[in-house]
Amino acid sequence: MNEKELLQLWNEKRSQIISAQMAPSLVLIGILVIAGFGQFDGATDAVKYLAIAVAAATGILAVISQYAAIREASALVADIAKLSGKGALATKVGESGKFLSLTAVVIVALSATIFALVVTAVLG
């Protein structure tokens, strides 16, 4: 593959990571609004646990999707780094391996933190 094709794939992987955050964000907004209006206070335990389970399932699937995109992007970064005579953009992308690793760690840390906050908001 040439530089242009590899950079197009890089942009696709970045878009996949961003897109994977949409569904969990909408679920979290819904839970935040419901919790903010105190609607979980009178809800049954079954409803509370369902809300937590939906948040967990949505979040887990998003993290899996993000990890897959990061794993593929890591291979892409390695291929870009091997190109000779590349432009400035390809050079910067080729140096992004550590950034991708950091992104993976941050995704897990933020997901765990947000899930703990969801449990706290729902169960009160």
Protein backbone atom coordinates (compact mmCIF):
# COMPACT_ATOMS: atom_id res chain seq x y z
CA MET A 1 0.00 0.00 0.00
CA ASN A 2 1.13 3.51 -0.64
CA GLU A 3 1.23 6.47 1.74
CA LYS A 4 -2.13 7.89 0.65
CA GLU A 5 -3.94 4.55 1.12
CA LEU A 6 -2.38 4.02 4.53
CA LEU A 7 -3.36 7.52 5.68
CA GLN A 8 -6.94 6.91 4.49
CA LEU A 9 -7.03 3.73 6.58
CA TRP A 10 -5.63 5.69 9.53
CA ASN A 11 -8.49 8.16 9.27
CA GLU A 12 -11.00 5.31 9.05
CA LYS A 13 -9.62 3.79 12.27
CA ARG A 14 -9.84 7.14 14.05
CA SER A 15 -13.44 7.52 12.88
CA GLN A 16 -14.25 4.01 14.15
CA ILE A 17 -12.94 4.88 17.61
CA ILE A 18 -15.05 8.04 17.68
CA SER A 19 -18.16 6.30 16.32
CA ALA A 20 -17.88 3.56 18.93
CA GLN A 21 -18.43 6.24 21.59
CA MET A 22 -21.79 7.41 20.24
CA ALA A 23 -24.14 4.72 21.59
CA PRO A 24 -22.66 4.68 25.10
CA SER A 25 -22.77 8.47 25.19
CA LEU A 26 -26.48 8.43 24.38
CA VAL A 27 -27.12 5.76 27.02
CA LEU A 28 -25.17 7.78 29.59
CA ILE A 29 -27.09 10.95 28.71
CA GLY A 30 -30.35 9.08 29.24
CA ILE A 31 -29.24 7.70 32.59
CA LEU A 32 -27.93 11.12 33.65
CA VAL A 33 -31.22 12.82 32.82
CA ILE A 34 -33.27 10.15 34.59
CA ALA A 35 -30.99 10.22 37.64
CA GLY A 36 -30.90 14.02 37.61
CA PHE A 37 -34.68 14.17 37.92
CA GLY A 38 -34.60 11.60 40.75
CA GLN A 39 -36.54 9.03 38.76
CA PHE A 40 -34.44 6.13 40.02
CA ASP A 41 -35.44 6.95 43.62
CA GLY A 42 -38.86 5.35 43.22
CA ALA A 43 -37.85 2.70 40.69
CA THR A 44 -37.84 -0.99 41.50
CA ASP A 45 -34.55 -2.79 41.96
CA ALA A 46 -35.17 -4.64 38.69
CA VAL A 47 -35.37 -1.36 36.78
CA LYS A 48 -32.22 -0.05 38.45
CA TYR A 49 -30.29 -3.23 37.66
CA LEU A 50 -31.55 -3.18 34.08
CA ALA A 51 -30.30 0.40 33.66
CA ILE A 52 -26.91 -0.63 35.04
CA ALA A 53 -26.81 -3.72 32.80
CA VAL A 54 -27.68 -1.70 29.69
CA ALA A 55 -24.96 0.83 30.52
CA ALA A 56 -22.47 -1.99 31.12
CA ALA A 57 -23.33 -3.90 27.94
CA THR A 58 -23.23 -0.77 25.79
CA GLY A 59 -19.94 0.31 27.34
CA ILE A 60 -18.31 -3.11 27.03
CA LEU A 61 -19.27 -3.40 23.37
CA ALA A 62 -17.92 0.09 22.72
CA VAL A 63 -14.62 -0.70 24.44
CA ILE A 64 -14.28 -3.90 22.40
CA SER A 65 -14.89 -1.94 19.19
CA GLN A 66 -12.42 0.73 20.22
CA TYR A 67 -9.79 -1.85 21.11
CA ALA A 68 -10.21 -3.56 17.74
CA ALA A 69 -9.76 -0.24 15.95
CA ILE A 70 -6.72 0.59 18.11
CA ARG A 71 -5.16 -2.82 17.46
CA GLU A 72 -5.63 -2.42 13.72
CA ALA A 73 -4.39 1.17 13.85
CA SER A 74 -1.25 -0.03 15.66
CA ALA A 75 -0.47 -2.36 12.76
CA LEU A 76 -1.17 0.49 10.38
CA VAL A 77 1.21 2.79 12.28
CA ALA A 78 3.93 0.15 11.97
CA ASP A 79 3.37 -0.04 8.20
CA ILE A 80 3.43 3.74 7.86
CA ALA A 81 6.63 3.96 9.91
CA LYS A 82 8.32 1.62 7.41
CA LEU A 83 7.55 3.83 4.40
CA SER A 84 10.46 5.66 2.86
CA GLY A 85 10.22 9.21 1.54
CA LYS A 86 6.98 9.91 3.37
CA GLY A 87 5.51 13.34 4.02
CA ALA A 88 5.22 15.13 7.34
CA LEU A 89 1.74 13.77 8.08
CA ALA A 90 2.74 10.18 7.46
CA THR A 91 5.83 10.73 9.61
CA LYS A 92 3.71 11.97 12.53
CA VAL A 93 1.22 9.14 12.14
CA GLY A 94 4.11 6.67 12.02
CA GLU A 95 5.20 7.97 15.43
CA SER A 96 1.76 7.44 17.01
CA GLY A 97 2.29 3.99 18.50
CA LYS A 98 2.76 5.22 22.07
CA PHE A 99 -0.24 7.53 21.71
CA LEU A 100 -2.40 4.58 20.67
CA SER A 101 -1.24 2.61 23.70
CA LEU A 102 -2.06 5.55 25.95
CA THR A 103 -5.47 5.86 24.32
CA ALA A 104 -6.23 2.20 25.08
CA VAL A 105 -5.32 2.68 28.75
CA VAL A 106 -7.39 5.87 29.04
CA ILE A 107 -10.41 4.18 27.45
CA VAL A 108 -10.35 1.45 30.09
CA ALA A 109 -9.73 3.84 32.98
CA LEU A 110 -12.48 6.25 31.93
CA SER A 111 -14.91 3.40 31.24
CA ALA A 112 -14.39 1.90 34.68
CA THR A 113 -14.74 5.29 36.36
CA ILE A 114 -17.89 6.20 34.45
CA PHE A 115 -19.44 2.80 35.17
CA ALA A 116 -18.79 3.24 38.89
CA LEU A 117 -20.46 6.66 38.71
CA VAL A 118 -23.44 5.18 36.83
CA VAL A 119 -23.88 2.55 39.53
CA THR A 120 -23.73 5.26 42.19
CA ALA A 121 -26.23 7.47 40.34
CA VAL A 122 -28.69 4.64 39.73
CA LEU A 123 -28.50 2.96 43.12
CA GLY A 124 -28.11 6.24 44.99
